[in-house]
Amino acid sequence: MGVATAPIQLRLAPAPPKLVVDRVSKEFVTKRRDVHALDDVSLEVADGEFICIVGPSGCGKSTLLDIMAGLTKPDAGKILSKGERVKGPGRDRLVMFQEPALFPWLDVFGNVMFGLKLTPNLSQAERKERAQHFLHMVGLEAFARANVHELSGGMKQRVALARSLAPDPDILLMDEPFAALDAITREQLYDDIQRIWQDTRKTIVFVTHNVREAVCLGDRVILMSPRPGRIRKEFTIALPRPRDINGIELARHASEIARALKETVVLEGPQ
């Protein structure tokens, strides 16, 4: 009788991170004072992961996002996107800001099309098809020919989101995009962005000062300390999607992070 052998199990190597922040520091020198914005920040973001970064005002959240985007150069450390060092802005990383920054002389369709002008290897017909697809995804296909001034604040942010997604970036960087909107509009956009993320599985880094918003959207929430910004703690959010911003379990996670944020501010404070 032969000797039974256990089946050979192959272990696949873990996928490399989509985005790497490697020991990044940044200081701004002004006439009034020097501001140490970031100090030795390291972070890895997996392919398809939704990361939210929270922290007190002035902790360097937006500065870190600008460095990821290649809009600001770090004083020390580096950013890697798909293993390549970031030396400036690139099509692989697109930023969505708090203000939609739409072009008022273009209609909704024209604004989404504008983001596709520099996308290589696409015919005009393909660009139009892609613009229509993403307007449908954000629920604005009926407003394709509307003027920007005719839109509500939430609709403008949907256009900005469609414009950011249309070029198919590897990484979407979002800097408090819903902060200026009313609570009802924000809640609708939370549902929309979760649905869109589940459909596209984009790698997203989302900066916010709203802890509940971070828990509603993120796979992980990264807590930063007061200036100089450092990563103090990471929280994994294992709640099923879609998440309700007013859900009981979500509130429990948000309370835990809010307590940690308060402790960080009290113990360290801005320097």
C-alpha atoms as a PDB file:
ATOM      1  CA  MET A   1       0.000   0.000   0.000  1.00  0.00           C
ATOM      2  CA  GLY A   2       1.372   3.383  -0.921  1.00  0.00           C
ATOM      3  CA  VAL A   3       2.036   6.088   1.625  1.00  0.00           C
ATOM      4  CA  ALA A   4      -0.496   8.896   1.527  1.00  0.00           C
ATOM      5  CA  THR A   5       1.038  12.292   1.052  1.00  0.00           C
ATOM      6  CA  ALA A   6      -0.453  15.653   1.810  1.00  0.00           C
ATOM      7  CA  PRO A   7      -1.255  17.770  -1.236  1.00  0.00           C
ATOM      8  CA  ILE A   8       1.305  20.429  -2.021  1.00  0.00           C
ATOM      9  CA  GLN A   9      -0.011  23.895  -1.231  1.00  0.00           C
ATOM     10  CA  LEU A  10       1.434  26.729  -3.249  1.00  0.00           C
ATOM     11  CA  ARG A  11       1.760  30.042  -1.447  1.00  0.00           C
ATOM     12  CA  LEU A  12       1.293  33.009  -3.692  1.00  0.00           C
ATOM     13  CA  ALA A  13       3.509  35.982  -3.042  1.00  0.00           C
ATOM     14  CA  PRO A  14       1.530  38.944  -1.678  1.00  0.00           C
ATOM     15  CA  ALA A  15       0.727  41.579  -4.257  1.00  0.00           C
ATOM     16  CA  PRO A  16       3.003  44.625  -4.061  1.00  0.00           C
ATOM     17  CA  PRO A  17       1.357  47.748  -2.643  1.00  0.00           C
ATOM     18  CA  LYS A  18      -0.118  50.186  -5.125  1.00  0.00           C
ATOM     19  CA  LEU A  19       1.172  53.224  -3.230  1.00  0.00           C
ATOM     20  CA  VAL A  20       4.070  53.510  -0.772  1.00  0.00           C
ATOM     21  CA  VAL A  21       4.865  56.468   1.469  1.00  0.00           C
ATOM     22  CA  ASP A  22       8.418  55.921   2.674  1.00  0.00           C
ATOM     23  CA  ARG A  23       9.679  58.028   5.620  1.00  0.00           C
ATOM     24  CA  VAL A  24       8.308  61.294   4.258  1.00  0.00           C
ATOM     25  CA  SER A  25       9.033  64.580   6.029  1.00  0.00           C
ATOM     26  CA  LYS A  26       8.143  68.123   5.004  1.00  0.00           C
ATOM     27  CA  GLU A  27       8.859  71.575   6.427  1.00  0.00           C
ATOM     28  CA  PHE A  28       7.599  74.903   5.118  1.00  0.00           C
ATOM     29  CA  VAL A  29       9.813  77.958   5.622  1.00  0.00           C
ATOM     30  CA  THR A  30       7.903  81.231   5.844  1.00  0.00           C
ATOM     31  CA  LYS A  31       8.776  84.779   6.878  1.00  0.00           C
ATOM     32  CA  ARG A  32       6.868  84.446  10.139  1.00  0.00           C
ATOM     33  CA  ARG A  33       7.933  80.945  11.195  1.00  0.00           C
ATOM     34  CA  ASP A  34       9.024  77.533  10.011  1.00  0.00           C
ATOM     35  CA  VAL A  35       6.249  74.934   9.969  1.00  0.00           C
ATOM     36  CA  HIS A  36       7.229  71.293  10.416  1.00  0.00           C
ATOM     37  CA  ALA A  37       4.255  69.743   8.610  1.00  0.00           C
ATOM     38  CA  LEU A  38       5.204  66.038   8.383  1.00  0.00           C
ATOM     39  CA  ASP A  39       7.742  63.939  10.212  1.00  0.00           C
ATOM     40  CA  ASP A  40       8.872  60.481   9.076  1.00  0.00           C
ATOM     41  CA  VAL A  41       5.522  59.300   7.703  1.00  0.00           C
ATOM     42  CA  SER A  42       5.378  55.791   6.240  1.00  0.00           C
ATOM     43  CA  LEU A  43       2.303  54.082   4.817  1.00  0.00           C
ATOM     44  CA  GLU A  44       1.433  51.356   2.316  1.00  0.00           C
ATOM     45  CA  VAL A  45      -1.827  51.232   0.372  1.00  0.00           C
ATOM     46  CA  ALA A  46      -2.872  47.982  -1.312  1.00  0.00           C
ATOM     47  CA  ASP A  47      -4.336  47.733  -4.783  1.00  0.00           C
ATOM     48  CA  GLY A  48      -8.068  48.440  -4.592  1.00  0.00           C
ATOM     49  CA  GLU A  49      -7.951  49.594  -0.977  1.00  0.00           C
ATOM     50  CA  PHE A  50      -9.954  52.551   0.329  1.00  0.00           C
ATOM     51  CA  ILE A  51      -7.881  54.420   2.925  1.00  0.00           C
ATOM     52  CA  CYS A  52      -9.147  57.366   4.965  1.00  0.00           C
ATOM     53  CA  ILE A  53      -6.752  59.737   6.737  1.00  0.00           C
ATOM     54  CA  VAL A  54      -8.030  61.729   9.721  1.00  0.00           C
ATOM     55  CA  GLY A  55      -6.409  64.075  12.182  1.00  0.00           C
ATOM     56  CA  PRO A  56      -6.703  67.522  13.769  1.00  0.00           C
ATOM     57  CA  SER A  57      -6.539  70.673  11.657  1.00  0.00           C
ATOM     58  CA  GLY A  58      -2.993  71.486  10.616  1.00  0.00           C
ATOM     59  CA  CYS A  59      -1.673  67.945  11.056  1.00  0.00           C
ATOM     60  CA  GLY A  60      -0.440  67.716   7.460  1.00  0.00           C
ATOM     61  CA  LYS A  61      -3.206  65.559   5.942  1.00  0.00           C
ATOM     62  CA  SER A  62      -3.573  67.680   2.821  1.00  0.00           C
ATOM     63  CA  THR A  63       0.182  68.185   2.563  1.00  0.00           C
ATOM     64  CA  LEU A  64       0.638  64.415   2.557  1.00  0.00           C
ATOM     65  CA  LEU A  65      -1.988  64.079  -0.185  1.00  0.00           C
ATOM     66  CA  ASP A  66      -0.256  66.784  -2.249  1.00  0.00           C
ATOM     67  CA  ILE A  67       3.030  64.889  -1.929  1.00  0.00           C
ATOM     68  CA  MET A  68       1.321  61.671  -3.036  1.00  0.00           C
ATOM     69  CA  ALA A  69      -0.049  63.562  -6.035  1.00  0.00           C
ATOM     70  CA  GLY A  70       3.375  64.935  -6.917  1.00  0.00           C
ATOM     71  CA  LEU A  71       2.200  68.530  -6.428  1.00  0.00           C
ATOM     72  CA  THR A  72       4.604  69.070  -3.510  1.00  0.00           C
ATOM     73  CA  LYS A  73       8.076  67.619  -3.097  1.00  0.00           C
ATOM     74  CA  PRO A  74       9.048  66.079   0.255  1.00  0.00           C
ATOM     75  CA  ASP A  75      12.168  67.288   2.065  1.00  0.00           C
ATOM     76  CA  ALA A  76      13.006  63.694   2.959  1.00  0.00           C
ATOM     77  CA  GLY A  77      11.658  60.293   1.993  1.00  0.00           C
ATOM     78  CA  LYS A  78       9.839  59.276  -1.164  1.00  0.00           C
ATOM     79  CA  ILE A  79       6.532  58.204  -2.692  1.00  0.00           C
ATOM     80  CA  LEU A  80       6.264  55.123  -4.896  1.00  0.00           C
ATOM     81  CA  SER A  81       3.332  54.579  -7.252  1.00  0.00           C
ATOM     82  CA  LYS A  82       3.242  51.034  -8.657  1.00  0.00           C
ATOM     83  CA  GLY A  83       6.888  50.693  -7.637  1.00  0.00           C
ATOM     84  CA  GLU A  84       8.012  53.848  -9.479  1.00  0.00           C
ATOM     85  CA  ARG A  85       9.234  56.914  -7.631  1.00  0.00           C
ATOM     86  CA  VAL A  86       6.848  59.874  -7.856  1.00  0.00           C
ATOM     87  CA  LYS A  87       8.663  62.920  -9.213  1.00  0.00           C
ATOM     88  CA  GLY A  88       5.657  65.020 -10.162  1.00  0.00           C
ATOM     89  CA  PRO A  89       1.999  64.808 -11.193  1.00  0.00           C
ATOM     90  CA  GLY A  90       1.037  61.862 -13.392  1.00  0.00           C
ATOM     91  CA  ARG A  91      -1.943  60.249 -15.116  1.00  0.00           C
ATOM     92  CA  ASP A  92      -1.700  57.339 -12.671  1.00  0.00           C
ATOM     93  CA  ARG A  93      -2.799  59.650  -9.804  1.00  0.00           C
ATOM     94  CA  LEU A  94      -5.677  62.116  -9.978  1.00  0.00           C
ATOM     95  CA  VAL A  95      -6.810  64.503  -7.245  1.00  0.00           C
ATOM     96  CA  MET A  96     -10.355  65.502  -6.334  1.00  0.00           C
ATOM     97  CA  PHE A  97     -10.396  68.635  -4.171  1.00  0.00           C
ATOM     98  CA  GLN A  98     -12.964  70.172  -1.820  1.00  0.00           C
ATOM     99  CA  GLU A  99     -13.974  72.608  -4.564  1.00  0.00           C
ATOM    100  CA  PRO A 100     -15.196  70.923  -7.790  1.00  0.00           C
ATOM    101  CA  ALA A 101     -13.097  73.317  -9.948  1.00  0.00           C
ATOM    102  CA  LEU A 102     -15.338  72.794 -12.967  1.00  0.00           C
ATOM    103  CA  PHE A 103     -14.924  74.908 -16.092  1.00  0.00           C
ATOM    104  CA  PRO A 104     -17.929  77.273 -16.251  1.00  0.00           C
ATOM    105  CA  TRP A 105     -17.669  77.707 -20.035  1.00  0.00           C
ATOM    106  CA  LEU A 106     -18.151  73.947 -20.566  1.00  0.00           C
ATOM    107  CA  ASP A 107     -21.320  71.972 -19.952  1.00  0.00           C
ATOM    108  CA  VAL A 108     -21.371  68.835 -17.792  1.00  0.00           C
ATOM    109  CA  PHE A 109     -20.411  66.542 -20.664  1.00  0.00           C
ATOM    110  CA  GLY A 110     -17.638  68.902 -21.755  1.00  0.00           C
ATOM    111  CA  ASN A 111     -16.148  68.953 -18.248  1.00  0.00           C
ATOM    112  CA  VAL A 112     -15.947  65.158 -18.147  1.00  0.00           C
ATOM    113  CA  MET A 113     -14.568  65.040 -21.692  1.00  0.00           C
ATOM    114  CA  PHE A 114     -11.866  67.559 -20.756  1.00  0.00           C
ATOM    115  CA  GLY A 115     -10.230  65.055 -18.411  1.00  0.00           C
ATOM    116  CA  LEU A 116      -9.952  62.601 -21.311  1.00  0.00           C
ATOM    117  CA  LYS A 117      -8.133  64.899 -23.735  1.00  0.00           C
ATOM    118  CA  LEU A 118      -4.706  63.800 -22.557  1.00  0.00           C
ATOM    119  CA  THR A 119      -5.616  60.110 -22.283  1.00  0.00           C
ATOM    120  CA  PRO A 120      -3.574  58.317 -24.961  1.00  0.00           C
ATOM    121  CA  ASN A 121      -4.824  55.777 -27.481  1.00  0.00           C
ATOM    122  CA  LEU A 122      -8.475  56.770 -27.310  1.00  0.00           C
ATOM    123  CA  SER A 123     -10.500  57.855 -30.322  1.00  0.00           C
ATOM    124  CA  GLN A 124     -13.011  60.677 -30.029  1.00  0.00           C
ATOM    125  CA  ALA A 125     -15.833  58.129 -30.117  1.00  0.00           C
ATOM    126  CA  GLU A 126     -14.214  56.153 -27.278  1.00  0.00           C
ATOM    127  CA  ARG A 127     -13.805  59.326 -25.216  1.00  0.00           C
ATOM    128  CA  LYS A 128     -17.470  60.172 -25.685  1.00  0.00           C
ATOM    129  CA  GLU A 129     -18.506  56.642 -24.739  1.00  0.00           C
ATOM    130  CA  ARG A 130     -16.366  56.736 -21.602  1.00  0.00           C
ATOM    131  CA  ALA A 131     -17.689  60.170 -20.580  1.00  0.00           C
ATOM    132  CA  GLN A 132     -21.262  58.914 -20.990  1.00  0.00           C
ATOM    133  CA  HIS A 133     -20.447  55.796 -18.966  1.00  0.00           C
ATOM    134  CA  PHE A 134     -19.148  57.732 -15.967  1.00  0.00           C
ATOM    135  CA  LEU A 135     -21.937  60.296 -16.085  1.00  0.00           C
ATOM    136  CA  HIS A 136     -24.318  57.337 -15.902  1.00  0.00           C
ATOM    137  CA  MET A 137     -22.306  55.931 -12.982  1.00  0.00           C
ATOM    138  CA  VAL A 138     -22.741  59.152 -10.973  1.00  0.00           C
ATOM    139  CA  GLY A 139     -26.399  59.481 -12.000  1.00  0.00           C
ATOM    140  CA  LEU A 140     -26.055  62.584 -14.169  1.00  0.00           C
ATOM    141  CA  GLU A 141     -26.592  61.301 -17.710  1.00  0.00           C
ATOM    142  CA  ALA A 142     -29.796  63.364 -17.909  1.00  0.00           C
ATOM    143  CA  PHE A 143     -27.792  66.509 -17.120  1.00  0.00           C
ATOM    144  CA  ALA A 144     -25.033  65.986 -19.698  1.00  0.00           C
ATOM    145  CA  ARG A 145     -25.837  69.245 -21.496  1.00  0.00           C
ATOM    146  CA  ALA A 146     -26.593  71.301 -18.394  1.00  0.00           C
ATOM    147  CA  ASN A 147     -24.490  74.353 -17.596  1.00  0.00           C
ATOM    148  CA  VAL A 148     -22.335  74.240 -14.474  1.00  0.00           C
ATOM    149  CA  HIS A 149     -24.150  77.187 -12.836  1.00  0.00           C
ATOM    150  CA  GLU A 150     -27.426  75.219 -13.057  1.00  0.00           C
ATOM    151  CA  LEU A 151     -26.138  72.436 -10.790  1.00  0.00           C
ATOM    152  CA  SER A 152     -26.396  72.027  -7.036  1.00  0.00           C
ATOM    153  CA  GLY A 153     -23.244  71.607  -4.948  1.00  0.00           C
ATOM    154  CA  GLY A 154     -23.703  67.856  -4.755  1.00  0.00           C
ATOM    155  CA  MET A 155     -24.230  67.568  -8.504  1.00  0.00           C
ATOM    156  CA  LYS A 156     -21.056  69.568  -9.139  1.00  0.00           C
ATOM    157  CA  GLN A 157     -19.106  67.134  -6.975  1.00  0.00           C
ATOM    158  CA  ARG A 158     -20.605  64.224  -8.935  1.00  0.00           C
ATOM    159  CA  VAL A 159     -19.351  65.838 -12.138  1.00  0.00           C
ATOM    160  CA  ALA A 160     -15.918  66.285 -10.565  1.00  0.00           C
ATOM    161  CA  LEU A 161     -15.957  62.624  -9.530  1.00  0.00           C
ATOM    162  CA  ALA A 162     -16.923  61.487 -13.044  1.00  0.00           C
ATOM    163  CA  ARG A 163     -14.166  63.676 -14.500  1.00  0.00           C
ATOM    164  CA  SER A 164     -11.638  62.126 -12.105  1.00  0.00           C
ATOM    165  CA  LEU A 165     -12.710  58.541 -12.848  1.00  0.00           C
ATOM    166  CA  ALA A 166     -13.010  58.854 -16.631  1.00  0.00           C
ATOM    167  CA  PRO A 167      -9.237  58.814 -17.386  1.00  0.00           C
ATOM    168  CA  ASP A 168      -9.045  55.549 -15.387  1.00  0.00           C
ATOM    169  CA  PRO A 169      -6.312  56.562 -12.900  1.00  0.00           C
ATOM    170  CA  ASP A 170      -4.658  53.852 -10.828  1.00  0.00           C
ATOM    171  CA  ILE A 171      -5.062  55.949  -7.687  1.00  0.00           C
ATOM    172  CA  LEU A 172      -7.715  58.515  -6.791  1.00  0.00           C
ATOM    173  CA  LEU A 173      -6.681  61.063  -4.151  1.00  0.00           C
ATOM    174  CA  MET A 174      -9.606  62.881  -2.487  1.00  0.00           C
ATOM    175  CA  ASP A 175      -9.069  65.943  -0.285  1.00  0.00           C
ATOM    176  CA  GLU A 176     -12.188  66.558   1.854  1.00  0.00           C
ATOM    177  CA  PRO A 177     -14.433  66.549  -1.255  1.00  0.00           C
ATOM    178  CA  PHE A 178     -17.711  66.590   0.693  1.00  0.00           C
ATOM    179  CA  ALA A 179     -16.791  69.056   3.464  1.00  0.00           C
ATOM    180  CA  ALA A 180     -18.674  72.038   2.015  1.00  0.00           C
ATOM    181  CA  LEU A 181     -21.921  70.147   1.375  1.00  0.00           C
ATOM    182  CA  ASP A 182     -25.018  69.929   3.558  1.00  0.00           C
ATOM    183  CA  ALA A 183     -25.610  66.785   5.635  1.00  0.00           C
ATOM    184  CA  ILE A 184     -28.340  65.302   3.409  1.00  0.00           C
ATOM    185  CA  THR A 185     -26.263  65.731   0.243  1.00  0.00           C
ATOM    186  CA  ARG A 186     -23.203  64.240   1.957  1.00  0.00           C
ATOM    187  CA  GLU A 187     -25.149  61.158   3.021  1.00  0.00           C
ATOM    188  CA  GLN A 188     -26.323  60.573  -0.546  1.00  0.00           C
ATOM    189  CA  LEU A 189     -22.745  60.933  -1.792  1.00  0.00           C
ATOM    190  CA  TYR A 190     -21.540  58.427   0.820  1.00  0.00           C
ATOM    191  CA  ASP A 191     -23.886  55.887  -0.766  1.00  0.00           C
ATOM    192  CA  ASP A 192     -22.741  56.877  -4.252  1.00  0.00           C
ATOM    193  CA  ILE A 193     -19.001  56.682  -3.571  1.00  0.00           C
ATOM    194  CA  GLN A 194     -19.347  53.282  -1.875  1.00  0.00           C
ATOM    195  CA  ARG A 195     -21.289  51.927  -4.850  1.00  0.00           C
ATOM    196  CA  ILE A 196     -18.814  53.385  -7.337  1.00  0.00           C
ATOM    197  CA  TRP A 197     -15.847  52.027  -5.383  1.00  0.00           C
ATOM    198  CA  GLN A 198     -17.402  48.559  -5.291  1.00  0.00           C
ATOM    199  CA  ASP A 199     -17.983  48.750  -9.058  1.00  0.00           C
ATOM    200  CA  THR A 200     -14.516  50.048  -9.976  1.00  0.00           C
ATOM    201  CA  ARG A 201     -12.300  48.853  -7.086  1.00  0.00           C
ATOM    202  CA  LYS A 202     -10.162  51.942  -7.470  1.00  0.00           C
ATOM    203  CA  THR A 203      -7.364  52.538  -5.003  1.00  0.00           C
ATOM    204  CA  ILE A 204      -8.555  55.568  -3.038  1.00  0.00           C
ATOM    205  CA  VAL A 205      -6.831  57.757  -0.432  1.00  0.00           C
ATOM    206  CA  PHE A 206      -9.416  60.027   1.176  1.00  0.00           C
ATOM    207  CA  VAL A 207      -8.520  62.881   3.532  1.00  0.00           C
ATOM    208  CA  THR A 208     -11.188  64.074   5.959  1.00  0.00           C
ATOM    209  CA  HIS A 209     -11.617  65.661   9.366  1.00  0.00           C
ATOM    210  CA  ASN A 210     -14.944  63.824   9.817  1.00  0.00           C
ATOM    211  CA  VAL A 211     -14.407  60.593  11.762  1.00  0.00           C
ATOM    212  CA  ARG A 212     -17.841  59.139  10.941  1.00  0.00           C
ATOM    213  CA  GLU A 213     -17.237  59.830   7.255  1.00  0.00           C
ATOM    214  CA  ALA A 214     -13.908  58.001   7.467  1.00  0.00           C
ATOM    215  CA  VAL A 215     -15.494  54.948   9.114  1.00  0.00           C
ATOM    216  CA  CYS A 216     -18.357  54.959   6.611  1.00  0.00           C
ATOM    217  CA  LEU A 217     -16.007  54.874   3.626  1.00  0.00           C
ATOM    218  CA  GLY A 218     -12.649  53.377   4.562  1.00  0.00           C
ATOM    219  CA  ASP A 219     -11.205  49.875   4.752  1.00  0.00           C
ATOM    220  CA  ARG A 220      -8.667  51.411   7.098  1.00  0.00           C
ATOM    221  CA  VAL A 221      -8.634  54.708   8.971  1.00  0.00           C
ATOM    222  CA  ILE A 222      -5.214  56.277   9.510  1.00  0.00           C
ATOM    223  CA  LEU A 223      -5.005  58.597  12.524  1.00  0.00           C
ATOM    224  CA  MET A 224      -2.419  61.375  12.362  1.00  0.00           C
ATOM    225  CA  SER A 225      -0.990  63.354  15.259  1.00  0.00           C
ATOM    226  CA  PRO A 226      -0.950  67.145  15.586  1.00  0.00           C
ATOM    227  CA  ARG A 227       1.859  69.003  13.848  1.00  0.00           C
ATOM    228  CA  PRO A 228       4.317  67.697  12.925  1.00  0.00           C
ATOM    229  CA  GLY A 229       2.080  65.080  11.360  1.00  0.00           C
ATOM    230  CA  ARG A 230       2.955  61.495  12.194  1.00  0.00           C
ATOM    231  CA  ILE A 231       0.898  58.324  11.890  1.00  0.00           C
ATOM    232  CA  ARG A 232      -0.248  57.530  15.412  1.00  0.00           C
ATOM    233  CA  LYS A 233      -2.579  54.577  14.868  1.00  0.00           C
ATOM    234  CA  GLU A 234      -4.381  52.535  12.222  1.00  0.00           C
ATOM    235  CA  PHE A 235      -7.908  51.163  12.537  1.00  0.00           C
ATOM    236  CA  THR A 236      -9.251  48.356  10.353  1.00  0.00           C
ATOM    237  CA  ILE A 237     -12.952  48.795   9.571  1.00  0.00           C
ATOM    238  CA  ALA A 238     -14.416  45.351   8.903  1.00  0.00           C
ATOM    239  CA  LEU A 239     -18.053  46.427   8.602  1.00  0.00           C
ATOM    240  CA  PRO A 240     -20.071  45.102   5.631  1.00  0.00           C
ATOM    241  CA  ARG A 241     -20.926  47.440   2.771  1.00  0.00           C
ATOM    242  CA  PRO A 242     -22.851  49.488   1.971  1.00  0.00           C
ATOM    243  CA  ARG A 243     -22.502  51.257   5.313  1.00  0.00           C
ATOM    244  CA  ASP A 244     -25.049  53.557   6.879  1.00  0.00           C
ATOM    245  CA  ILE A 245     -23.464  56.696   8.315  1.00  0.00           C
ATOM    246  CA  ASN A 246     -26.032  56.502  11.154  1.00  0.00           C
ATOM    247  CA  GLY A 247     -25.510  52.791  11.886  1.00  0.00           C
ATOM    248  CA  ILE A 248     -24.906  51.635  15.472  1.00  0.00           C
ATOM    249  CA  GLU A 249     -21.752  49.622  14.751  1.00  0.00           C
ATOM    250  CA  LEU A 250     -20.367  52.445  12.652  1.00  0.00           C
ATOM    251  CA  ALA A 251     -20.971  54.839  15.548  1.00  0.00           C
ATOM    252  CA  ARG A 252     -19.078  52.496  17.881  1.00  0.00           C
ATOM    253  CA  HIS A 253     -16.033  52.463  15.609  1.00  0.00           C
ATOM    254  CA  ALA A 254     -16.235  56.238  15.164  1.00  0.00           C
ATOM    255  CA  SER A 255     -16.367  56.777  18.929  1.00  0.00           C
ATOM    256  CA  GLU A 256     -13.245  54.671  19.409  1.00  0.00           C
ATOM    257  CA  ILE A 257     -11.331  56.666  16.794  1.00  0.00           C
ATOM    258  CA  ALA A 258     -12.650  59.991  18.127  1.00  0.00           C
ATOM    259  CA  ARG A 259     -11.390  59.088  21.625  1.00  0.00           C
ATOM    260  CA  ALA A 260      -7.975  58.210  20.218  1.00  0.00           C
ATOM    261  CA  LEU A 261      -7.927  61.486  18.297  1.00  0.00           C
ATOM    262  CA  LYS A 262      -8.792  63.474  21.411  1.00  0.00           C
ATOM    263  CA  GLU A 263      -6.104  61.702  23.436  1.00  0.00           C
ATOM    264  CA  THR A 264      -3.538  62.416  20.726  1.00  0.00           C
ATOM    265  CA  VAL A 265      -4.403  66.116  20.682  1.00  0.00           C
ATOM    266  CA  VAL A 266      -4.331  66.407  24.499  1.00  0.00           C
ATOM    267  CA  LEU A 267      -1.074  64.494  24.924  1.00  0.00           C
ATOM    268  CA  GLU A 268       0.879  65.980  22.046  1.00  0.00           C
ATOM    269  CA  GLY A 269      -0.731  69.171  20.860  1.00  0.00           C
ATOM    270  CA  PRO A 270       0.669  71.238  17.978  1.00  0.00           C
ATOM    271  CA  GLN A 271       4.361  72.065  18.073  1.00  0.00           C
END
